[in-house]
C-alpha atoms as a PDB file:
ATOM      1  CA  MET A   1      99.393 106.752 108.322  1.00  0.00           C
ATOM      2  CA  LEU A   2      96.310 106.777 110.819  1.00  0.00           C
ATOM      3  CA  PRO A   3      94.022 105.186 108.107  1.00  0.00           C
ATOM      4  CA  THR A   4      96.350 102.178 108.648  1.00  0.00           C
ATOM      5  CA  LEU A   5      96.723 102.335 112.288  1.00  0.00           C
ATOM      6  CA  GLN A   6      92.972 102.571 112.424  1.00  0.00           C
ATOM      7  CA  THR A   7      92.359  99.453 110.534  1.00  0.00           C
ATOM      8  CA  SER A   8      94.956  97.609 112.364  1.00  0.00           C
ATOM      9  CA  PHE A   9      94.039  98.169 115.720  1.00  0.00           C
ATOM     10  CA  GLU A  10      90.208  98.451 115.028  1.00  0.00           C
ATOM     11  CA  VAL A  11      89.797 101.956 116.671  1.00  0.00           C
ATOM     12  CA  THR A  12      87.210 104.421 115.285  1.00  0.00           C
ATOM     13  CA  ALA A  13      88.813 107.684 113.283  1.00  0.00           C
ATOM     14  CA  SER A  14      88.615 110.184 116.800  1.00  0.00           C
ATOM     15  CA  GLN A  15      90.494 107.366 118.568  1.00  0.00           C
ATOM     16  CA  SER A  16      93.552 107.191 115.804  1.00  0.00           C
ATOM     17  CA  MET A  17      93.155 110.696 116.107  1.00  0.00           C
ATOM     18  CA  MET A  18      94.520 110.556 119.779  1.00  0.00           C
ATOM     19  CA  LEU A  19      97.976 109.322 118.401  1.00  0.00           C
ATOM     20  CA  ALA A  20      98.738 112.724 116.719  1.00  0.00           C
ATOM     21  CA  THR A  21      96.938 114.440 119.569  1.00  0.00           C
ATOM     22  CA  ILE A  22      98.626 113.067 122.721  1.00  0.00           C
ATOM     23  CA  TYR A  23     101.792 113.729 121.455  1.00  0.00           C
ATOM     24  CA  LEU A  24     101.531 117.323 120.411  1.00  0.00           C
ATOM     25  CA  THR A  25      99.544 118.111 123.679  1.00  0.00           C
ATOM     26  CA  MET A  26     103.060 116.671 125.614  1.00  0.00           C
ATOM     27  CA  ILE A  27     105.339 118.998 123.481  1.00  0.00           C
ATOM     28  CA  ALA A  28     103.237 122.034 123.836  1.00  0.00           C
ATOM     29  CA  SER A  29     102.417 121.257 127.754  1.00  0.00           C
ATOM     30  CA  LEU A  30     105.914 120.420 128.663  1.00  0.00           C
ATOM     31  CA  GLN A  31     108.043 123.339 127.048  1.00  0.00           C
ATOM     32  CA  LEU A  32     107.928 125.824 129.928  1.00  0.00           C
ATOM     33  CA  LEU A  33     109.138 123.005 132.194  1.00  0.00           C
ATOM     34  CA  PHE A  34     111.571 121.516 130.080  1.00  0.00           C
ATOM     35  CA  GLY A  35     112.827 124.922 128.891  1.00  0.00           C
ATOM     36  CA  ARG A  36     113.542 125.875 132.554  1.00  0.00           C
ATOM     37  CA  SER A  37     115.770 122.355 133.098  1.00  0.00           C
ATOM     38  CA  ALA A  38     117.826 123.247 130.476  1.00  0.00           C
ATOM     39  CA  ASP A  39     118.527 126.489 131.963  1.00  0.00           C
ATOM     40  CA  ILE A  40     119.112 124.410 135.498  1.00  0.00           C
ATOM     41  CA  PHE A  41     120.898 121.443 134.202  1.00  0.00           C
ATOM     42  CA  ASP A  42     123.071 121.123 131.357  1.00  0.00           C
ATOM     43  CA  ALA A  43     121.290 121.925 127.867  1.00  0.00           C
ATOM     44  CA  SER A  44     122.953 119.142 126.195  1.00  0.00           C
ATOM     45  CA  LYS A  45     121.842 116.511 129.031  1.00  0.00           C
ATOM     46  CA  VAL A  46     118.386 117.412 128.554  1.00  0.00           C
ATOM     47  CA  PHE A  47     118.769 117.207 124.832  1.00  0.00           C
ATOM     48  CA  LEU A  48     120.086 113.923 125.279  1.00  0.00           C
ATOM     49  CA  SER A  49     117.534 112.375 127.736  1.00  0.00           C
ATOM     50  CA  GLY A  50     114.864 113.606 125.159  1.00  0.00           C
ATOM     51  CA  ILE A  51     116.648 111.433 122.712  1.00  0.00           C
ATOM     52  CA  VAL A  52     116.734 108.430 124.682  1.00  0.00           C
ATOM     53  CA  LEU A  53     113.198 109.280 125.556  1.00  0.00           C
ATOM     54  CA  PHE A  54     112.005 109.135 122.007  1.00  0.00           C
ATOM     55  CA  LEU A  55     113.818 106.295 120.926  1.00  0.00           C
ATOM     56  CA  ALA A  56     112.221 104.660 123.788  1.00  0.00           C
ATOM     57  CA  GLY A  57     108.796 105.542 122.590  1.00  0.00           C
ATOM     58  CA  SER A  58     109.827 104.813 119.171  1.00  0.00           C
ATOM     59  CA  VAL A  59     110.641 101.283 120.208  1.00  0.00           C
ATOM     60  CA  GLY A  60     107.309 101.147 122.309  1.00  0.00           C
ATOM     61  CA  CYS A  61     104.797 102.220 119.461  1.00  0.00           C
ATOM     62  CA  ALA A  62     106.874  99.779 116.920  1.00  0.00           C
ATOM     63  CA  LEU A  63     106.258  96.631 118.945  1.00  0.00           C
ATOM     64  CA  SER A  64     103.298  96.978 120.061  1.00  0.00           C
ATOM     65  CA  HIS A  65     100.095  94.862 119.810  1.00  0.00           C
ATOM     66  CA  ALA A  66      97.247  96.923 121.500  1.00  0.00           C
ATOM     67  CA  PHE A  67      96.049 100.556 121.018  1.00  0.00           C
ATOM     68  CA  ALA A  68      96.753 101.422 124.347  1.00  0.00           C
ATOM     69  CA  HIS A  69     100.400 100.286 124.016  1.00  0.00           C
ATOM     70  CA  ILE A  70     100.992 102.291 120.867  1.00  0.00           C
ATOM     71  CA  LEU A  71      99.445 105.811 122.695  1.00  0.00           C
ATOM     72  CA  LEU A  72     101.540 104.877 125.675  1.00  0.00           C
ATOM     73  CA  GLY A  73     104.699 104.744 123.374  1.00  0.00           C
ATOM     74  CA  ARG A  74     103.088 108.670 121.709  1.00  0.00           C
ATOM     75  CA  PHE A  75     103.018 109.522 125.021  1.00  0.00           C
ATOM     76  CA  VAL A  76     106.667 108.960 126.015  1.00  0.00           C
ATOM     77  CA  GLN A  77     107.467 110.376 122.467  1.00  0.00           C
ATOM     78  CA  GLY A  78     106.057 113.619 123.175  1.00  0.00           C
ATOM     79  CA  ILE A  79     107.981 113.900 126.726  1.00  0.00           C
ATOM     80  CA  GLY A  80     111.246 113.290 124.642  1.00  0.00           C
ATOM     81  CA  GLY A  81     109.956 115.357 121.850  1.00  0.00           C
ATOM     82  CA  ALA A  82     109.290 118.353 123.911  1.00  0.00           C
ATOM     83  CA  MET A  83     113.013 118.067 125.429  1.00  0.00           C
ATOM     84  CA  LEU A  84     114.535 118.545 122.322  1.00  0.00           C
ATOM     85  CA  ALA A  85     112.393 121.440 121.241  1.00  0.00           C
ATOM     86  CA  ALA A  86     112.950 123.264 124.535  1.00  0.00           C
ATOM     87  CA  SER A  87     116.730 122.767 124.951  1.00  0.00           C
ATOM     88  CA  PHE A  88     117.989 122.400 121.342  1.00  0.00           C
ATOM     89  CA  GLY A  89     118.199 126.600 121.461  1.00  0.00           C
ATOM     90  CA  ALA A  90     120.274 126.781 124.939  1.00  0.00           C
ATOM     91  CA  MET A  91     122.294 123.967 123.746  1.00  0.00           C
ATOM     92  CA  ILE A  92     123.416 126.324 120.499  1.00  0.00           C
ATOM     93  CA  LEU A  93     123.926 129.085 122.727  1.00  0.00           C
ATOM     94  CA  THR A  94     126.126 127.461 124.628  1.00  0.00           C
ATOM     95  CA  SER A  95     128.145 125.182 122.440  1.00  0.00           C
ATOM     96  CA  VAL A  96     128.348 127.285 118.918  1.00  0.00           C
ATOM     97  CA  PRO A  97     130.496 130.347 118.603  1.00  0.00           C
ATOM     98  CA  ARG A  98     128.711 133.277 118.905  1.00  0.00           C
ATOM     99  CA  GLU A  99     129.312 134.831 114.978  1.00  0.00           C
ATOM    100  CA  LYS A 100     127.718 131.353 114.085  1.00  0.00           C
ATOM    101  CA  ILE A 101     124.649 131.106 115.990  1.00  0.00           C
ATOM    102  CA  GLY A 102     122.256 132.426 113.721  1.00  0.00           C
ATOM    103  CA  SER A 103     123.376 130.435 110.342  1.00  0.00           C
ATOM    104  CA  THR A 104     123.345 127.226 112.760  1.00  0.00           C
ATOM    105  CA  ILE A 105     119.944 127.944 113.748  1.00  0.00           C
ATOM    106  CA  GLY A 106     118.606 129.108 110.199  1.00  0.00           C
ATOM    107  CA  LEU A 107     120.318 125.519 108.941  1.00  0.00           C
ATOM    108  CA  ILE A 108     118.240 123.503 112.350  1.00  0.00           C
ATOM    109  CA  PHE A 109     115.169 124.960 111.034  1.00  0.00           C
ATOM    110  CA  MET A 110     115.821 124.082 107.453  1.00  0.00           C
ATOM    111  CA  VAL A 111     116.596 120.837 108.288  1.00  0.00           C
ATOM    112  CA  GLY A 112     113.191 120.480 110.417  1.00  0.00           C
ATOM    113  CA  SER A 113     111.431 122.168 107.818  1.00  0.00           C
ATOM    114  CA  CYS A 114     112.496 119.288 105.500  1.00  0.00           C
ATOM    115  CA  GLY A 115     111.454 116.737 108.208  1.00  0.00           C
ATOM    116  CA  THR A 116     107.913 118.197 108.414  1.00  0.00           C
ATOM    117  CA  ILE A 117     107.761 117.921 104.384  1.00  0.00           C
ATOM    118  CA  ILE A 118     109.157 114.278 104.012  1.00  0.00           C
ATOM    119  CA  GLY A 119     107.993 112.777 107.285  1.00  0.00           C
ATOM    120  CA  PRO A 120     104.200 112.347 106.580  1.00  0.00           C
ATOM    121  CA  PRO A 121     104.325 110.799 102.862  1.00  0.00           C
ATOM    122  CA  LEU A 122     107.439 108.457 104.031  1.00  0.00           C
ATOM    123  CA  GLY A 123     105.424 107.068 106.934  1.00  0.00           C
ATOM    124  CA  GLY A 124     102.588 106.897 104.650  1.00  0.00           C
ATOM    125  CA  TYR A 125     104.768 104.640 102.311  1.00  0.00           C
ATOM    126  CA  LEU A 126     106.292 102.637 104.571  1.00  0.00           C
ATOM    127  CA  ALA A 127     103.144 101.605 106.362  1.00  0.00           C
ATOM    128  CA  GLU A 128     101.490 100.946 102.700  1.00  0.00           C
ATOM    129  CA  ALA A 129     104.345  99.180 101.176  1.00  0.00           C
ATOM    130  CA  TRP A 130     105.946  97.364 104.356  1.00  0.00           C
ATOM    131  CA  SER A 131     104.544  97.859 107.525  1.00  0.00           C
ATOM    132  CA  TRP A 132     103.341 100.444 109.708  1.00  0.00           C
ATOM    133  CA  HIS A 133     106.017  99.303 112.343  1.00  0.00           C
ATOM    134  CA  TRP A 134     108.558 100.728 110.024  1.00  0.00           C
ATOM    135  CA  ALA A 135     107.788 104.258 110.624  1.00  0.00           C
ATOM    136  CA  PHE A 136     108.666 103.873 114.093  1.00  0.00           C
ATOM    137  CA  ILE A 137     111.370 101.393 113.633  1.00  0.00           C
ATOM    138  CA  VAL A 138     113.376 104.117 111.164  1.00  0.00           C
ATOM    139  CA  ASN A 139     113.680 106.213 114.032  1.00  0.00           C
ATOM    140  CA  VAL A 140     115.940 104.266 115.887  1.00  0.00           C
ATOM    141  CA  PRO A 141     119.216 104.229 113.716  1.00  0.00           C
ATOM    142  CA  LEU A 142     118.657 107.970 113.558  1.00  0.00           C
ATOM    143  CA  CYS A 143     118.345 108.326 117.426  1.00  0.00           C
ATOM    144  CA  LEU A 144     121.385 105.770 117.971  1.00  0.00           C
ATOM    145  CA  ILE A 145     123.622 107.882 116.204  1.00  0.00           C
ATOM    146  CA  VAL A 146     122.741 111.061 117.568  1.00  0.00           C
ATOM    147  CA  ILE A 147     123.067 109.702 121.093  1.00  0.00           C
ATOM    148  CA  ALA A 148     126.395 108.468 120.239  1.00  0.00           C
ATOM    149  CA  VAL A 149     127.775 111.807 118.700  1.00  0.00           C
ATOM    150  CA  LEU A 150     126.275 113.905 121.600  1.00  0.00           C
ATOM    151  CA  SER A 151     127.741 111.533 124.375  1.00  0.00           C
ATOM    152  CA  ILE A 152     131.175 112.312 122.975  1.00  0.00           C
ATOM    153  CA  HIS A 153     130.333 116.241 122.860  1.00  0.00           C
ATOM    154  CA  ILE A 154     129.229 115.883 126.576  1.00  0.00           C
ATOM    155  CA  LYS A 155     132.612 114.326 127.725  1.00  0.00           C
ATOM    156  CA  ARG A 156     134.275 116.763 126.035  1.00  0.00           C
ATOM    157  CA  ILE A 157     132.642 119.519 128.214  1.00  0.00           C
ATOM    158  CA  PRO A 158     134.803 121.069 131.145  1.00  0.00           C
ATOM    159  CA  ALA A 159     133.265 119.292 134.278  1.00  0.00           C
ATOM    160  CA  LYS A 160     131.765 122.548 136.386  1.00  0.00           C
ATOM    161  CA  THR A 161     131.340 122.495 140.139  1.00  0.00           C
ATOM    162  CA  GLN A 162     128.023 121.024 140.257  1.00  0.00           C
ATOM    163  CA  GLU A 163     125.099 121.606 143.150  1.00  0.00           C
ATOM    164  CA  ASN A 164     122.997 119.097 144.808  1.00  0.00           C
ATOM    165  CA  PHE A 165     120.953 117.511 142.720  1.00  0.00           C
ATOM    166  CA  ARG A 166     117.426 118.183 144.705  1.00  0.00           C
ATOM    167  CA  GLU A 167     118.615 121.900 145.500  1.00  0.00           C
ATOM    168  CA  LYS A 168     118.501 122.318 141.152  1.00  0.00           C
ATOM    169  CA  LEU A 169     114.934 120.001 141.421  1.00  0.00           C
ATOM    170  CA  ARG A 170     113.761 122.611 143.852  1.00  0.00           C
ATOM    171  CA  GLN A 171     114.011 125.494 141.115  1.00  0.00           C
ATOM    172  CA  LEU A 172     111.571 123.508 139.020  1.00  0.00           C
ATOM    173  CA  ASP A 173     108.276 124.595 138.853  1.00  0.00           C
ATOM    174  CA  LEU A 174     106.900 120.842 138.875  1.00  0.00           C
ATOM    175  CA  LYS A 175     103.600 122.137 140.190  1.00  0.00           C
ATOM    176  CA  GLY A 176     103.363 124.376 137.106  1.00  0.00           C
ATOM    177  CA  GLY A 177     104.420 121.668 134.410  1.00  0.00           C
ATOM    178  CA  CYS A 178     101.817 119.750 135.882  1.00  0.00           C
ATOM    179  CA  LEU A 179      98.961 122.202 135.701  1.00  0.00           C
ATOM    180  CA  SER A 180     100.344 122.882 132.051  1.00  0.00           C
ATOM    181  CA  ILE A 181      99.637 119.205 131.001  1.00  0.00           C
ATOM    182  CA  LEU A 182      96.137 119.214 132.667  1.00  0.00           C
ATOM    183  CA  MET A 183      95.253 122.717 130.702  1.00  0.00           C
ATOM    184  CA  PHE A 184      96.628 121.408 127.422  1.00  0.00           C
ATOM    185  CA  SER A 185      95.148 118.050 127.821  1.00  0.00           C
ATOM    186  CA  SER A 186      91.821 119.799 128.364  1.00  0.00           C
ATOM    187  CA  LEU A 187      91.410 121.617 125.364  1.00  0.00           C
ATOM    188  CA  PRO A 188      90.973 118.356 122.882  1.00  0.00           C
ATOM    189  CA  LEU A 189      88.830 116.911 125.218  1.00  0.00           C
ATOM    190  CA  ALA A 190      86.906 119.862 125.300  1.00  0.00           C
ATOM    191  CA  LEU A 191      86.668 120.015 121.192  1.00  0.00           C
ATOM    192  CA  SER A 192      86.381 116.219 121.211  1.00  0.00           C
ATOM    193  CA  ALA A 193      83.301 116.661 123.530  1.00  0.00           C
ATOM    194  CA  ILE A 194      81.971 119.453 121.149  1.00  0.00           C
ATOM    195  CA  ALA A 195      81.960 116.836 118.248  1.00  0.00           C
ATOM    196  CA  ASP A 196      80.535 114.241 119.979  1.00  0.00           C
ATOM    197  CA  ALA A 197      77.750 116.204 122.099  1.00  0.00           C
ATOM    198  CA  GLY A 198      77.451 119.567 120.507  1.00  0.00           C
ATOM    199  CA  TRP A 199      78.147 122.774 122.318  1.00  0.00           C
ATOM    200  CA  ARG A 200      75.110 122.632 124.812  1.00  0.00           C
ATOM    201  CA  SER A 201      76.639 119.512 126.390  1.00  0.00           C
ATOM    202  CA  SER A 202      77.537 119.636 130.092  1.00  0.00           C
ATOM    203  CA  LYS A 203      80.608 118.332 129.021  1.00  0.00           C
ATOM    204  CA  VAL A 204      81.739 121.046 127.212  1.00  0.00           C
ATOM    205  CA  GLY A 205      80.954 123.883 129.525  1.00  0.00           C
ATOM    206  CA  GLY A 206      82.838 121.804 132.384  1.00  0.00           C
ATOM    207  CA  ALA A 207      86.173 121.092 129.884  1.00  0.00           C
ATOM    208  CA  PHE A 208      86.273 125.018 128.943  1.00  0.00           C
ATOM    209  CA  CYS A 209      85.698 126.057 132.696  1.00  0.00           C
ATOM    210  CA  ARG A 210      88.684 123.717 133.743  1.00  0.00           C
ATOM    211  CA  ILE A 211      90.734 125.148 131.031  1.00  0.00           C
ATOM    212  CA  LEU A 212      90.276 128.438 132.265  1.00  0.00           C
ATOM    213  CA  PHE A 213      90.784 127.675 136.032  1.00  0.00           C
ATOM    214  CA  LEU A 214      93.942 125.978 134.788  1.00  0.00           C
ATOM    215  CA  ALA A 215      95.301 129.002 132.763  1.00  0.00           C
ATOM    216  CA  ASP A 216      94.775 131.283 135.684  1.00  0.00           C
ATOM    217  CA  ALA A 217      96.651 129.021 138.353  1.00  0.00           C
ATOM    218  CA  LEU A 218      99.535 128.542 136.039  1.00  0.00           C
ATOM    219  CA  PRO A 219     101.008 132.337 136.356  1.00  0.00           C
ATOM    220  CA  ASN A 220     100.354 131.640 140.222  1.00  0.00           C
ATOM    221  CA  SER A 221     102.443 128.570 140.375  1.00  0.00           C
END
């Protein structure tokens, strides 16, 4: 679908690739932060929040009229996707009987793999046959169904004594989360600089030095 978006927004091929890169970057960089959030807060609520953000990002992408708008939508989708990927395991462990955990995880990965296979050609077909907007609109009913089902599930969970929200928030490594975002976003920028200016460019050296510095700072955060 990227060539269609490239033509629609009149951007270069490298700019259109940012739509995929920014989504994957946010998923990779926020795994630790949202994984810890699933431990501290209720994993089902983290998952539900991820669905809501993914829905908001999908609607934002579908309604975009400028490249900056769809890029922001993909950014929000990436945050939502990171919350989903980081919390679904904890949600299974707390919601599924022990003897069914293995088969449940296997079923989820099977469905996820089918989505990976079907998603790209389906998105390309929708963009070519109808409009690229439909490749994002198709997420809306799916997200709404999951939100409805998960809301019912959360209401059935017995109420527990809640700690102060601020106390829980202090248990999160927010500094590490920010450093992780900076480190992972520096990598595609460095590779882009290589493509544009070559290995000997000072931009490339500076980008890789920044990655090494942030990677060293992460464990200390």
